[in-house]
Amino acid sequence: MPEDDASLIDRLRLTDGGYLTKAAILLFHRDPERFVGGAHVKVGYFRNESDVLFHDVISGDLFTQVANTIEVLHFKYLKAGISYDGIQRVESFAHPEGSSASDPARRVSG
């Protein structure tokens, strides 16, 4: 049974005194930093304890931040072993990608 937005927000306890809570803004607003300072994820790659080689700042609602952080980590920061299955390139990460721990390799069309 579909639920309207107001009922859902109320059921999730995302209001206080008729106003949206910070949690509601962090979860659903496209620019939560407008209302909650520091509402972003910072990822950096360090050469040593003080030298940053490169970094990324990931903004948006929490759902977007989580998805984009995982994507940036896999494609920019984590190193993958590369092998080939015929002409298909196979990248194997030390940590499995996605929710399936049984398939840690990602196939890339070549």
Protein backbone atom coordinates (compact mmCIF):
# COMPACT_ATOMS: atom_id res chain seq x y z
CA MET A 1 0.00 0.00 0.00
CA PRO A 2 1.59 3.31 -1.09
CA GLU A 3 2.31 5.86 1.60
CA ASP A 4 2.42 9.62 1.07
CA ASP A 5 5.66 11.49 1.78
CA ALA A 6 4.38 13.25 4.90
CA SER A 7 3.27 9.97 6.50
CA LEU A 8 6.57 8.31 5.70
CA ILE A 9 8.61 11.20 7.13
CA ASP A 10 6.45 11.16 10.26
CA ARG A 11 6.73 7.37 10.65
CA LEU A 12 10.53 7.58 10.30
CA ARG A 13 10.54 10.31 12.97
CA LEU A 14 12.25 12.81 10.71
CA THR A 15 10.36 15.81 12.07
CA ASP A 16 10.58 17.67 15.36
CA GLY A 17 8.03 20.31 16.24
CA GLY A 18 6.80 20.46 12.65
CA TYR A 19 10.29 20.98 11.22
CA LEU A 20 12.48 18.50 9.38
CA THR A 21 15.38 17.13 11.44
CA LYS A 22 19.01 17.24 10.37
CA ALA A 23 18.72 13.51 9.68
CA ALA A 24 15.97 14.19 7.12
CA ILE A 25 18.10 16.83 5.43
CA LEU A 26 21.16 14.56 5.37
CA LEU A 27 19.15 11.68 3.95
CA PHE A 28 17.05 13.43 1.32
CA HIS A 29 18.16 16.99 0.48
CA ARG A 30 20.27 17.24 -2.68
CA ASP A 31 22.58 19.83 -1.00
CA PRO A 32 22.64 19.02 2.74
CA GLU A 33 25.77 21.16 3.29
CA ARG A 34 23.55 24.19 2.85
CA PHE A 35 22.02 23.33 6.23
CA VAL A 36 24.57 20.99 7.89
CA GLY A 37 28.21 22.00 7.62
CA GLY A 38 30.67 19.25 6.74
CA ALA A 39 27.99 16.96 5.32
CA HIS A 40 30.34 15.32 2.84
CA VAL A 41 32.87 12.49 2.59
CA LYS A 42 36.57 13.18 2.02
CA VAL A 43 38.81 10.45 0.63
CA GLY A 44 42.55 10.90 0.22
CA TYR A 45 45.55 8.94 -0.96
CA PHE A 46 48.64 9.70 1.10
CA ARG A 47 52.27 9.23 0.03
CA ASN A 48 53.23 9.27 3.73
CA GLU A 49 51.68 10.59 6.95
CA SER A 50 51.54 14.18 5.72
CA ASP A 51 51.72 14.28 1.89
CA VAL A 52 48.41 13.87 0.06
CA LEU A 53 48.89 12.71 -3.53
CA PHE A 54 45.25 13.24 -4.49
CA HIS A 55 41.85 13.50 -2.82
CA ASP A 56 38.12 13.60 -3.55
CA VAL A 57 35.21 15.31 -1.83
CA ILE A 58 31.90 13.52 -2.27
CA SER A 59 28.71 15.51 -1.68
CA GLY A 60 24.97 15.01 -1.95
CA ASP A 61 22.41 13.16 0.13
CA LEU A 62 23.68 10.23 2.22
CA PHE A 63 22.51 7.61 -0.25
CA THR A 64 24.42 9.32 -3.06
CA GLN A 65 27.48 9.81 -0.86
CA VAL A 66 27.64 6.11 0.03
CA ALA A 67 27.21 4.94 -3.58
CA ASN A 68 29.70 7.47 -4.97
CA THR A 69 32.25 6.80 -2.21
CA ILE A 70 32.23 3.07 -2.94
CA GLU A 71 32.55 3.77 -6.66
CA VAL A 72 35.45 6.23 -6.20
CA LEU A 73 37.25 3.82 -3.86
CA HIS A 74 37.01 0.95 -6.33
CA PHE A 75 37.91 2.87 -9.47
CA LYS A 76 40.49 5.33 -8.15
CA TYR A 77 41.97 4.20 -4.82
CA LEU A 78 41.97 0.39 -4.65
CA LYS A 79 44.46 -1.57 -6.68
CA ALA A 80 43.23 -4.61 -8.56
CA GLY A 81 45.10 -7.59 -9.86
CA ILE A 82 44.56 -7.88 -13.60
CA SER A 83 44.32 -11.14 -15.50
CA TYR A 84 42.71 -12.27 -18.71
CA ASP A 85 40.11 -14.91 -19.42
CA GLY A 86 40.54 -15.29 -23.15
CA ILE A 87 40.22 -11.74 -24.47
CA GLN A 88 38.22 -10.55 -21.47
CA ARG A 89 40.07 -8.55 -18.81
CA VAL A 90 39.37 -9.62 -15.20
CA GLU A 91 40.13 -7.29 -12.27
CA SER A 92 40.40 -8.96 -8.84
CA PHE A 93 40.20 -6.76 -5.75
CA ALA A 94 41.40 -7.74 -2.27
CA HIS A 95 37.89 -6.82 -1.07
CA PRO A 96 34.85 -8.09 -2.94
CA GLU A 97 32.84 -5.54 -4.88
CA GLY A 98 29.10 -5.34 -4.30
CA SER A 99 27.15 -7.47 -1.88
CA SER A 100 28.36 -10.85 -3.08
CA ALA A 101 31.51 -11.98 -1.29
CA SER A 102 31.62 -15.07 -3.53
CA ASP A 103 32.56 -13.13 -6.70
CA PRO A 104 35.47 -10.78 -5.94
CA ALA A 105 36.45 -10.38 -9.60
CA ARG A 106 35.02 -7.75 -11.92
CA ARG A 107 35.02 -8.48 -15.64
CA VAL A 108 35.73 -5.61 -18.00
CA SER A 109 34.87 -5.82 -21.69
CA GLY A 110 37.97 -5.49 -23.81
